[in-house]
Amino acid sequence: MENTDKEFFESVAVLAEQICGLAEDVLPSFVEFANNVVCKRITDINQIEHRLDSMAAYCFDDRVLSLYKRILRKIYDDHPETVESYTKLYYEMFGDYEEVDFDDGL
């Protein structure tokens, strides 16, 4: 492997570590927010959507993805269109949306 290739892969590895570190930094605030939504201390859909927008970028982390799904499950009965929208967003960013069956739940 050429030296430039090695340097490139090392820089990618450093970047990946930094991104994972960011997820670690924001995790406590996401946990608190999810708990507040589940306990119905936060019910304003605009506030929930705003936070889901932020969380979506970190759904590569399984812990954040779990919180994201937890919030979506909690709001589904009152806001199914929001849940569908944010499920689509997730699959557009990280997976194949065509595989999702909304009738089966999340």
PDB file of N, CA and C in Angstrom:
ATOM      1  N   MET A   1       0.855  -1.177   0.000  1.00  0.00           N
ATOM      2  CA  MET A   1       0.000   0.000   0.000  1.00  0.00           C
ATOM      3  C   MET A   1       0.899   1.237   0.000  1.00  0.00           C
ATOM      4  N   GLU A   2       0.557   2.187  -0.805  1.00  0.00           N
ATOM      5  CA  GLU A   2       1.332   3.417  -0.867  1.00  0.00           C
ATOM      6  C   GLU A   2       1.162   4.205   0.422  1.00  0.00           C
ATOM      7  N   ASN A   3       2.134   5.056   0.691  1.00  0.00           N
ATOM      8  CA  ASN A   3       2.108   5.869   1.904  1.00  0.00           C
ATOM      9  C   ASN A   3       0.888   6.785   1.926  1.00  0.00           C
ATOM     10  N   THR A   4       0.492   7.335   0.783  1.00  0.00           N
ATOM     11  CA  THR A   4      -0.667   8.232   0.747  1.00  0.00           C
ATOM     12  C   THR A   4      -1.956   7.472   1.064  1.00  0.00           C
ATOM     13  N   ASP A   5      -2.049   6.222   0.623  1.00  0.00           N
ATOM     14  CA  ASP A   5      -3.222   5.401   0.954  1.00  0.00           C
ATOM     15  C   ASP A   5      -3.286   5.148   2.454  1.00  0.00           C
ATOM     16  N   LYS A   6      -2.163   4.830   3.022  1.00  0.00           N
ATOM     17  CA  LYS A   6      -2.097   4.576   4.463  1.00  0.00           C
ATOM     18  C   LYS A   6      -2.501   5.825   5.239  1.00  0.00           C
ATOM     19  N   GLU A   7      -1.992   6.965   4.828  1.00  0.00           N
ATOM     20  CA  GLU A   7      -2.332   8.227   5.486  1.00  0.00           C
ATOM     21  C   GLU A   7      -3.824   8.517   5.357  1.00  0.00           C
ATOM     22  N   PHE A   8      -4.374   8.233   4.181  1.00  0.00           N
ATOM     23  CA  PHE A   8      -5.800   8.461   3.964  1.00  0.00           C
ATOM     24  C   PHE A   8      -6.627   7.604   4.914  1.00  0.00           C
ATOM     25  N   PHE A   9      -6.315   6.311   4.996  1.00  0.00           N
ATOM     26  CA  PHE A   9      -7.091   5.414   5.860  1.00  0.00           C
ATOM     27  C   PHE A   9      -6.909   5.765   7.331  1.00  0.00           C
ATOM     28  N   GLU A  10      -5.733   6.218   7.702  1.00  0.00           N
ATOM     29  CA  GLU A  10      -5.521   6.655   9.088  1.00  0.00           C
ATOM     30  C   GLU A  10      -6.350   7.896   9.398  1.00  0.00           C
ATOM     31  N   SER A  11      -6.446   8.817   8.449  1.00  0.00           N
ATOM     32  CA  SER A  11      -7.242  10.021   8.675  1.00  0.00           C
ATOM     33  C   SER A  11      -8.736   9.693   8.739  1.00  0.00           C
ATOM     34  N   VAL A  12      -9.177   8.715   7.950  1.00  0.00           N
ATOM     35  CA  VAL A  12     -10.572   8.274   8.010  1.00  0.00           C
ATOM     36  C   VAL A  12     -10.857   7.639   9.373  1.00  0.00           C
ATOM     37  N   ALA A  13      -9.929   6.850   9.872  1.00  0.00           N
ATOM     38  CA  ALA A  13     -10.095   6.211  11.179  1.00  0.00           C
ATOM     39  C   ALA A  13     -10.192   7.260  12.282  1.00  0.00           C
ATOM     40  N   VAL A  14      -9.375   8.290  12.196  1.00  0.00           N
ATOM     41  CA  VAL A  14      -9.428   9.372  13.187  1.00  0.00           C
ATOM     42  C   VAL A  14     -10.776  10.086  13.105  1.00  0.00           C
ATOM     43  N   LEU A  15     -11.231  10.353  11.905  1.00  0.00           N
ATOM     44  CA  LEU A  15     -12.524  11.009  11.714  1.00  0.00           C
ATOM     45  C   LEU A  15     -13.655  10.160  12.279  1.00  0.00           C
ATOM     46  N   ALA A  16     -13.624   8.862  12.041  1.00  0.00           N
ATOM     47  CA  ALA A  16     -14.661   7.961  12.566  1.00  0.00           C
ATOM     48  C   ALA A  16     -14.667   7.986  14.091  1.00  0.00           C
ATOM     49  N   GLU A  17     -13.495   7.998  14.707  1.00  0.00           N
ATOM     50  CA  GLU A  17     -13.412   8.084  16.165  1.00  0.00           C
ATOM     51  C   GLU A  17     -14.016   9.390  16.672  1.00  0.00           C
ATOM     52  N   GLN A  18     -13.759  10.476  15.978  1.00  0.00           N
ATOM     53  CA  GLN A  18     -14.295  11.776  16.374  1.00  0.00           C
ATOM     54  C   GLN A  18     -15.819  11.793  16.270  1.00  0.00           C
ATOM     55  N   ILE A  19     -16.353  11.201  15.226  1.00  0.00           N
ATOM     56  CA  ILE A  19     -17.806  11.151  15.044  1.00  0.00           C
ATOM     57  C   ILE A  19     -18.437  10.328  16.162  1.00  0.00           C
ATOM     58  N   CYS A  20     -17.836   9.192  16.477  1.00  0.00           N
ATOM     59  CA  CYS A  20     -18.357   8.362  17.578  1.00  0.00           C
ATOM     60  C   CYS A  20     -18.276   9.113  18.903  1.00  0.00           C
ATOM     61  N   GLY A  21     -17.233   9.899  19.067  1.00  0.00           N
ATOM     62  CA  GLY A  21     -17.105  10.723  20.277  1.00  0.00           C
ATOM     63  C   GLY A  21     -18.217  11.745  20.378  1.00  0.00           C
ATOM     64  N   LEU A  22     -18.620  12.308  19.251  1.00  0.00           N
ATOM     65  CA  LEU A  22     -19.735  13.265  19.259  1.00  0.00           C
ATOM     66  C   LEU A  22     -21.023  12.588  19.702  1.00  0.00           C
ATOM     67  N   ALA A  23     -21.252  11.380  19.227  1.00  0.00           N
ATOM     68  CA  ALA A  23     -22.455  10.640  19.642  1.00  0.00           C
ATOM     69  C   ALA A  23     -22.425  10.398  21.142  1.00  0.00           C
ATOM     70  N   GLU A  24     -21.263  10.086  21.655  1.00  0.00           N
ATOM     71  CA  GLU A  24     -21.107   9.869  23.103  1.00  0.00           C
ATOM     72  C   GLU A  24     -21.429  11.146  23.872  1.00  0.00           C
ATOM     73  N   ASP A  25     -21.011  12.293  23.333  1.00  0.00           N
ATOM     74  CA  ASP A  25     -21.245  13.578  23.994  1.00  0.00           C
ATOM     75  C   ASP A  25     -22.723  13.954  24.065  1.00  0.00           C
ATOM     76  N   VAL A  26     -23.469  13.659  23.000  1.00  0.00           N
ATOM     77  CA  VAL A  26     -24.878  14.067  22.956  1.00  0.00           C
ATOM     78  C   VAL A  26     -25.823  13.036  23.562  1.00  0.00           C
ATOM     79  N   LEU A  27     -25.335  11.839  23.796  1.00  0.00           N
ATOM     80  CA  LEU A  27     -26.193  10.762  24.292  1.00  0.00           C
ATOM     81  C   LEU A  27     -26.952  11.119  25.573  1.00  0.00           C
ATOM     82  N   PRO A  28     -26.310  11.700  26.591  1.00  0.00           N
ATOM     83  CA  PRO A  28     -27.072  12.011  27.814  1.00  0.00           C
ATOM     84  C   PRO A  28     -28.265  12.941  27.577  1.00  0.00           C
ATOM     85  N   SER A  29     -28.112  13.922  26.710  1.00  0.00           N
ATOM     86  CA  SER A  29     -29.242  14.825  26.456  1.00  0.00           C
ATOM     87  C   SER A  29     -30.345  14.108  25.682  1.00  0.00           C
ATOM     88  N   PHE A  30     -29.971  13.184  24.791  1.00  0.00           N
ATOM     89  CA  PHE A  30     -30.974  12.408  24.066  1.00  0.00           C
ATOM     90  C   PHE A  30     -31.720  11.457  25.004  1.00  0.00           C
ATOM     91  N   VAL A  31     -31.012  10.859  25.949  1.00  0.00           N
ATOM     92  CA  VAL A  31     -31.658   9.972  26.924  1.00  0.00           C
ATOM     93  C   VAL A  31     -32.671  10.762  27.750  1.00  0.00           C
ATOM     94  N   GLU A  32     -32.262  11.915  28.224  1.00  0.00           N
ATOM     95  CA  GLU A  32     -33.162  12.748  29.029  1.00  0.00           C
ATOM     96  C   GLU A  32     -34.387  13.155  28.217  1.00  0.00           C
ATOM     97  N   PHE A  33     -34.168  13.555  26.980  1.00  0.00           N
ATOM     98  CA  PHE A  33     -35.287  13.962  26.141  1.00  0.00           C
ATOM     99  C   PHE A  33     -36.249  12.808  25.898  1.00  0.00           C
ATOM    100  N   ALA A  34     -35.726  11.648  25.557  1.00  0.00           N
ATOM    101  CA  ALA A  34     -36.585  10.479  25.312  1.00  0.00           C
ATOM    102  C   ALA A  34     -37.394  10.137  26.555  1.00  0.00           C
ATOM    103  N   ASN A  35     -36.749  10.164  27.697  1.00  0.00           N
ATOM    104  CA  ASN A  35     -37.475   9.897  28.940  1.00  0.00           C
ATOM    105  C   ASN A  35     -38.587  10.911  29.176  1.00  0.00           C
ATOM    106  N   ASN A  36     -38.326  12.161  28.864  1.00  0.00           N
ATOM    107  CA  ASN A  36     -39.347  13.202  29.028  1.00  0.00           C
ATOM    108  C   ASN A  36     -40.520  13.008  28.073  1.00  0.00           C
ATOM    109  N   VAL A  37     -40.242  12.552  26.874  1.00  0.00           N
ATOM    110  CA  VAL A  37     -41.326  12.281  25.916  1.00  0.00           C
ATOM    111  C   VAL A  37     -42.141  11.079  26.392  1.00  0.00           C
ATOM    112  N   VAL A  38     -41.465  10.028  26.788  1.00  0.00           N
ATOM    113  CA  VAL A  38     -42.155   8.814  27.227  1.00  0.00           C
ATOM    114  C   VAL A  38     -43.012   9.086  28.462  1.00  0.00           C
ATOM    115  N   CYS A  39     -42.520   9.916  29.357  1.00  0.00           N
ATOM    116  CA  CYS A  39     -43.275  10.246  30.581  1.00  0.00           C
ATOM    117  C   CYS A  39     -44.252  11.394  30.372  1.00  0.00           C
ATOM    118  N   LYS A  40     -44.373  11.825  29.116  1.00  0.00           N
ATOM    119  CA  LYS A  40     -45.299  12.892  28.708  1.00  0.00           C
ATOM    120  C   LYS A  40     -45.011  14.233  29.380  1.00  0.00           C
ATOM    121  N   ARG A  41     -43.759  14.463  29.756  1.00  0.00           N
ATOM    122  CA  ARG A  41     -43.375  15.788  30.254  1.00  0.00           C
ATOM    123  C   ARG A  41     -43.140  16.732  29.078  1.00  0.00           C
ATOM    124  N   ILE A  42     -42.862  16.143  27.927  1.00  0.00           N
ATOM    125  CA  ILE A  42     -42.743  16.916  26.686  1.00  0.00           C
ATOM    126  C   ILE A  42     -43.749  16.336  25.709  1.00  0.00           C
ATOM    127  N   THR A  43     -44.695  17.169  25.277  1.00  0.00           N
ATOM    128  CA  THR A  43     -45.732  16.715  24.350  1.00  0.00           C
ATOM    129  C   THR A  43     -45.836  17.594  23.108  1.00  0.00           C
ATOM    130  N   ASP A  44     -45.143  18.721  23.097  1.00  0.00           N
ATOM    131  CA  ASP A  44     -45.200  19.637  21.961  1.00  0.00           C
ATOM    132  C   ASP A  44     -44.548  18.989  20.743  1.00  0.00           C
ATOM    133  N   ILE A  45     -45.344  18.705  19.725  1.00  0.00           N
ATOM    134  CA  ILE A  45     -44.844  17.981  18.557  1.00  0.00           C
ATOM    135  C   ILE A  45     -43.757  18.763  17.832  1.00  0.00           C
ATOM    136  N   ASN A  46     -43.811  20.069  17.842  1.00  0.00           N
ATOM    137  CA  ASN A  46     -42.753  20.854  17.197  1.00  0.00           C
ATOM    138  C   ASN A  46     -41.415  20.663  17.909  1.00  0.00           C
ATOM    139  N   GLN A  47     -41.456  20.632  19.221  1.00  0.00           N
ATOM    140  CA  GLN A  47     -40.237  20.412  19.994  1.00  0.00           C
ATOM    141  C   GLN A  47     -39.708  18.992  19.757  1.00  0.00           C
ATOM    142  N   ILE A  48     -40.611  18.036  19.706  1.00  0.00           N
ATOM    143  CA  ILE A  48     -40.213  16.651  19.459  1.00  0.00           C
ATOM    144  C   ILE A  48     -39.606  16.511  18.067  1.00  0.00           C
ATOM    145  N   GLU A  49     -40.238  17.100  17.067  1.00  0.00           N
ATOM    146  CA  GLU A  49     -39.713  17.025  15.706  1.00  0.00           C
ATOM    147  C   GLU A  49     -38.342  17.680  15.603  1.00  0.00           C
ATOM    148  N   HIS A  50     -38.174  18.799  16.269  1.00  0.00           N
ATOM    149  CA  HIS A  50     -36.880  19.486  16.253  1.00  0.00           C
ATOM    150  C   HIS A  50     -35.781  18.577  16.798  1.00  0.00           C
ATOM    151  N   ARG A  51     -36.069  17.898  17.899  1.00  0.00           N
ATOM    152  CA  ARG A  51     -35.063  17.012  18.490  1.00  0.00           C
ATOM    153  C   ARG A  51     -34.848  15.771  17.623  1.00  0.00           C
ATOM    154  N   LEU A  52     -35.912  15.249  17.032  1.00  0.00           N
ATOM    155  CA  LEU A  52     -35.750  14.104  16.131  1.00  0.00           C
ATOM    156  C   LEU A  52     -34.861  14.462  14.946  1.00  0.00           C
ATOM    157  N   ASP A  53     -34.981  15.699  14.467  1.00  0.00           N
ATOM    158  CA  ASP A  53     -34.095  16.165  13.395  1.00  0.00           C
ATOM    159  C   ASP A  53     -32.632  16.050  13.827  1.00  0.00           C
ATOM    160  N   SER A  54     -32.361  16.472  15.054  1.00  0.00           N
ATOM    161  CA  SER A  54     -30.998  16.401  15.581  1.00  0.00           C
ATOM    162  C   SER A  54     -30.554  14.957  15.771  1.00  0.00           C
ATOM    163  N   MET A  55     -31.441  14.150  16.306  1.00  0.00           N
ATOM    164  CA  MET A  55     -31.099  12.765  16.614  1.00  0.00           C
ATOM    165  C   MET A  55     -30.834  11.938  15.365  1.00  0.00           C
ATOM    166  N   ALA A  56     -31.521  12.240  14.287  1.00  0.00           N
ATOM    167  CA  ALA A  56     -31.403  11.432  13.068  1.00  0.00           C
ATOM    168  C   ALA A  56     -29.952  11.318  12.597  1.00  0.00           C
ATOM    169  N   ALA A  57     -29.204  12.383  12.735  1.00  0.00           N
ATOM    170  CA  ALA A  57     -27.818  12.378  12.285  1.00  0.00           C
ATOM    171  C   ALA A  57     -26.932  11.444  13.104  1.00  0.00           C
ATOM    172  N   TYR A  58     -27.390  11.069  14.281  1.00  0.00           N
ATOM    173  CA  TYR A  58     -26.600  10.213  15.169  1.00  0.00           C
ATOM    174  C   TYR A  58     -27.130   8.784  15.238  1.00  0.00           C
ATOM    175  N   CYS A  59     -28.071   8.445  14.405  1.00  0.00           N
ATOM    176  CA  CYS A  59     -28.677   7.105  14.456  1.00  0.00           C
ATOM    177  C   CYS A  59     -27.750   6.002  13.981  1.00  0.00           C
ATOM    178  N   PHE A  60     -26.543   6.340  13.564  1.00  0.00           N
ATOM    179  CA  PHE A  60     -25.542   5.312  13.286  1.00  0.00           C
ATOM    180  C   PHE A  60     -25.135   4.620  14.587  1.00  0.00           C
ATOM    181  N   ASP A  61     -25.369   5.294  15.711  1.00  0.00           N
ATOM    182  CA  ASP A  61     -25.077   4.739  17.026  1.00  0.00           C
ATOM    183  C   ASP A  61     -26.326   3.986  17.501  1.00  0.00           C
ATOM    184  N   ASP A  62     -26.185   2.726  17.817  1.00  0.00           N
ATOM    185  CA  ASP A  62     -27.340   1.902  18.193  1.00  0.00           C
ATOM    186  C   ASP A  62     -28.090   2.445  19.406  1.00  0.00           C
ATOM    187  N   ARG A  63     -27.380   3.095  20.304  1.00  0.00           N
ATOM    188  CA  ARG A  63     -28.040   3.650  21.499  1.00  0.00           C
ATOM    189  C   ARG A  63     -28.943   4.807  21.114  1.00  0.00           C
ATOM    190  N   VAL A  64     -28.482   5.652  20.216  1.00  0.00           N
ATOM    191  CA  VAL A  64     -29.303   6.774  19.753  1.00  0.00           C
ATOM    192  C   VAL A  64     -30.466   6.244  18.921  1.00  0.00           C
ATOM    193  N   LEU A  65     -30.203   5.260  18.074  1.00  0.00           N
ATOM    194  CA  LEU A  65     -31.270   4.668  17.272  1.00  0.00           C
ATOM    195  C   LEU A  65     -32.368   4.093  18.168  1.00  0.00           C
ATOM    196  N   SER A  66     -31.979   3.451  19.241  1.00  0.00           N
ATOM    197  CA  SER A  66     -32.949   2.895  20.186  1.00  0.00           C
ATOM    198  C   SER A  66     -33.817   3.998  20.805  1.00  0.00           C
ATOM    199  N   LEU A  67     -33.215   5.106  21.161  1.00  0.00           N
ATOM    200  CA  LEU A  67     -33.968   6.237  21.723  1.00  0.00           C
ATOM    201  C   LEU A  67     -34.898   6.849  20.671  1.00  0.00           C
ATOM    202  N   TYR A  68     -34.400   6.969  19.459  1.00  0.00           N
ATOM    203  CA  TYR A  68     -35.161   7.512  18.329  1.00  0.00           C
ATOM    204  C   TYR A  68     -36.426   6.675  18.123  1.00  0.00           C
ATOM    205  N   LYS A  69     -36.255   5.353  18.095  1.00  0.00           N
ATOM    206  CA  LYS A  69     -37.404   4.452  17.929  1.00  0.00           C
ATOM    207  C   LYS A  69     -38.351   4.546  19.115  1.00  0.00           C
ATOM    208  N   ARG A  70     -37.793   4.662  20.292  1.00  0.00           N
ATOM    209  CA  ARG A  70     -38.623   4.756  21.504  1.00  0.00           C
ATOM    210  C   ARG A  70     -39.544   5.975  21.434  1.00  0.00           C
ATOM    211  N   ILE A  71     -38.990   7.098  20.996  1.00  0.00           N
ATOM    212  CA  ILE A  71     -39.797   8.319  20.855  1.00  0.00           C
ATOM    213  C   ILE A  71     -40.866   8.109  19.785  1.00  0.00           C
ATOM    214  N   LEU A  72     -40.478   7.536  18.653  1.00  0.00           N
ATOM    215  CA  LEU A  72     -41.446   7.330  17.578  1.00  0.00           C
ATOM    216  C   LEU A  72     -42.583   6.411  18.021  1.00  0.00           C
ATOM    217  N   ARG A  73     -42.259   5.376  18.757  1.00  0.00           N
ATOM    218  CA  ARG A  73     -43.322   4.481  19.255  1.00  0.00           C
ATOM    219  C   ARG A  73     -44.272   5.221  20.189  1.00  0.00           C
ATOM    220  N   LYS A  74     -43.710   6.087  21.018  1.00  0.00           N
ATOM    221  CA  LYS A  74     -44.533   6.809  21.996  1.00  0.00           C
ATOM    222  C   LYS A  74     -45.503   7.781  21.327  1.00  0.00           C
ATOM    223  N   ILE A  75     -45.081   8.421  20.264  1.00  0.00           N
ATOM    224  CA  ILE A  75     -45.933   9.442  19.640  1.00  0.00           C
ATOM    225  C   ILE A  75     -46.803   8.888  18.513  1.00  0.00           C
ATOM    226  N   TYR A  76     -46.653   7.606  18.201  1.00  0.00           N
ATOM    227  CA  TYR A  76     -47.339   7.044  17.036  1.00  0.00           C
ATOM    228  C   TYR A  76     -48.852   7.244  17.076  1.00  0.00           C
ATOM    229  N   ASP A  77     -49.492   6.969  18.189  1.00  0.00           N
ATOM    230  CA  ASP A  77     -50.959   7.060  18.251  1.00  0.00           C
ATOM    231  C   ASP A  77     -51.469   8.468  17.958  1.00  0.00           C
ATOM    232  N   ASP A  78     -50.749   9.476  18.413  1.00  0.00           N
ATOM    233  CA  ASP A  78     -51.190  10.863  18.222  1.00  0.00           C
ATOM    234  C   ASP A  78     -50.656  11.502  16.937  1.00  0.00           C
ATOM    235  N   HIS A  79     -49.525  10.995  16.440  1.00  0.00           N
ATOM    236  CA  HIS A  79     -48.878  11.635  15.282  1.00  0.00           C
ATOM    237  C   HIS A  79     -48.308  10.596  14.315  1.00  0.00           C
ATOM    238  N   PRO A  80     -49.152   9.747  13.743  1.00  0.00           N
ATOM    239  CA  PRO A  80     -48.623   8.701  12.853  1.00  0.00           C
ATOM    240  C   PRO A  80     -47.905   9.263  11.622  1.00  0.00           C
ATOM    241  N   GLU A  81     -48.340  10.413  11.136  1.00  0.00           N
ATOM    242  CA  GLU A  81     -47.692  10.999   9.963  1.00  0.00           C
ATOM    243  C   GLU A  81     -46.273  11.455  10.295  1.00  0.00           C
ATOM    244  N   THR A  82     -46.063  11.930  11.499  1.00  0.00           N
ATOM    245  CA  THR A  82     -44.720  12.322  11.928  1.00  0.00           C
ATOM    246  C   THR A  82     -43.826  11.098  12.029  1.00  0.00           C
ATOM    247  N   VAL A  83     -44.363  10.025  12.585  1.00  0.00           N
ATOM    248  CA  VAL A  83     -43.590   8.786  12.715  1.00  0.00           C
ATOM    249  C   VAL A  83     -43.202   8.264  11.337  1.00  0.00           C
ATOM    250  N   GLU A  84     -44.128   8.270  10.411  1.00  0.00           N
ATOM    251  CA  GLU A  84     -43.810   7.808   9.064  1.00  0.00           C
ATOM    252  C   GLU A  84     -42.733   8.678   8.429  1.00  0.00           C
ATOM    253  N   SER A  85     -42.851   9.989   8.600  1.00  0.00           N
ATOM    254  CA  SER A  85     -41.883  10.914   8.036  1.00  0.00           C
ATOM    255  C   SER A  85     -40.479  10.672   8.593  1.00  0.00           C
ATOM    256  N   TYR A  86     -40.367  10.487   9.908  1.00  0.00           N
ATOM    257  CA  TYR A  86     -39.058  10.293  10.515  1.00  0.00           C
ATOM    258  C   TYR A  86     -38.514   8.888  10.291  1.00  0.00           C
ATOM    259  N   THR A  87     -39.387   7.935  10.076  1.00  0.00           N
ATOM    260  CA  THR A  87     -38.929   6.597   9.700  1.00  0.00           C
ATOM    261  C   THR A  87     -38.356   6.654   8.286  1.00  0.00           C
ATOM    262  N   LYS A  88     -39.023   7.351   7.394  1.00  0.00           N
ATOM    263  CA  LYS A  88     -38.507   7.526   6.032  1.00  0.00           C
ATOM    264  C   LYS A  88     -37.155   8.231   6.061  1.00  0.00           C
ATOM    265  N   LEU A  89     -37.054   9.274   6.880  1.00  0.00           N
ATOM    266  CA  LEU A  89     -35.797  10.003   6.981  1.00  0.00           C
ATOM    267  C   LEU A  89     -34.667   9.070   7.396  1.00  0.00           C
ATOM    268  N   TYR A  90     -34.926   8.259   8.421  1.00  0.00           N
ATOM    269  CA  TYR A  90     -33.901   7.315   8.874  1.00  0.00           C
ATOM    270  C   TYR A  90     -33.470   6.388   7.732  1.00  0.00           C
ATOM    271  N   TYR A  91     -34.439   5.794   7.048  1.00  0.00           N
ATOM    272  CA  TYR A  91     -34.098   4.837   5.996  1.00  0.00           C
ATOM    273  C   TYR A  91     -33.451   5.507   4.799  1.00  0.00           C
ATOM    274  N   GLU A  92     -33.776   6.754   4.538  1.00  0.00           N
ATOM    275  CA  GLU A  92     -33.097   7.475   3.460  1.00  0.00           C
ATOM    276  C   GLU A  92     -31.636   7.715   3.819  1.00  0.00           C
ATOM    277  N   MET A  93     -31.375   7.920   5.111  1.00  0.00           N
ATOM    278  CA  MET A  93     -30.005   8.186   5.548  1.00  0.00           C
ATOM    279  C   MET A  93     -29.186   6.905   5.729  1.00  0.00           C
ATOM    280  N   PHE A  94     -29.829   5.846   6.220  1.00  0.00           N
ATOM    281  CA  PHE A  94     -29.062   4.677   6.667  1.00  0.00           C
ATOM    282  C   PHE A  94     -29.466   3.339   6.063  1.00  0.00           C
ATOM    283  N   GLY A  95     -30.595   3.267   5.375  1.00  0.00           N
ATOM    284  CA  GLY A  95     -31.012   1.952   4.909  1.00  0.00           C
ATOM    285  C   GLY A  95     -31.955   2.016   3.745  1.00  0.00           C
ATOM    286  N   ASP A  96     -32.569   0.897   3.468  1.00  0.00           N
ATOM    287  CA  ASP A  96     -33.461   0.758   2.332  1.00  0.00           C
ATOM    288  C   ASP A  96     -34.905   0.960   2.769  1.00  0.00           C
ATOM    289  N   TYR A  97     -35.470   2.092   2.446  1.00  0.00           N
ATOM    290  CA  TYR A  97     -36.837   2.431   2.842  1.00  0.00           C
ATOM    291  C   TYR A  97     -37.865   1.454   2.292  1.00  0.00           C
ATOM    292  N   GLU A  98     -37.595   0.879   1.150  1.00  0.00           N
ATOM    293  CA  GLU A  98     -38.557  -0.024   0.517  1.00  0.00           C
ATOM    294  C   GLU A  98     -38.891  -1.232   1.379  1.00  0.00           C
ATOM    295  N   GLU A  99     -38.013  -1.577   2.322  1.00  0.00           N
ATOM    296  CA  GLU A  99     -38.220  -2.744   3.162  1.00  0.00           C
ATOM    297  C   GLU A  99     -39.154  -2.472   4.352  1.00  0.00           C
ATOM    298  N   VAL A 100     -39.526  -1.223   4.600  1.00  0.00           N
ATOM    299  CA  VAL A 100     -40.293  -0.869   5.779  1.00  0.00           C
ATOM    300  C   VAL A 100     -41.771  -1.154   5.551  1.00  0.00           C
ATOM    301  N   ASP A 101     -42.382  -1.825   6.513  1.00  0.00           N
ATOM    302  CA  ASP A 101     -43.826  -2.090   6.494  1.00  0.00           C
ATOM    303  C   ASP A 101     -44.442  -1.336   7.668  1.00  0.00           C
ATOM    304  N   PHE A 102     -45.088  -0.228   7.393  1.00  0.00           N
ATOM    305  CA  PHE A 102     -45.627   0.616   8.452  1.00  0.00           C
ATOM    306  C   PHE A 102     -46.796  -0.045   9.175  1.00  0.00           C
ATOM    307  N   ASP A 103     -47.447  -1.003   8.558  1.00  0.00           N
ATOM    308  CA  ASP A 103     -48.554  -1.693   9.213  1.00  0.00           C
ATOM    309  C   ASP A 103     -48.045  -2.642  10.303  1.00  0.00           C
ATOM    310  N   ASP A 104     -46.784  -3.016  10.212  1.00  0.00           N
ATOM    311  CA  ASP A 104     -46.176  -3.916  11.202  1.00  0.00           C
ATOM    312  C   ASP A 104     -45.627  -3.153  12.402  1.00  0.00           C
ATOM    313  N   GLY A 105     -45.611  -1.835  12.362  1.00  0.00           N
ATOM    314  CA  GLY A 105     -45.016  -1.049  13.436  1.00  0.00           C
ATOM    315  C   GLY A 105     -43.534  -0.886  13.194  1.00  0.00           C
ATOM    316  N   LEU A 106     -42.875  -0.290  14.172  1.00  0.00           N
ATOM    317  CA  LEU A 106     -41.432  -0.026  14.032  1.00  0.00           C
ATOM    318  C   LEU A 106     -40.634  -1.168  14.612  1.00  0.00           C
TER     319      LEU A 106
END
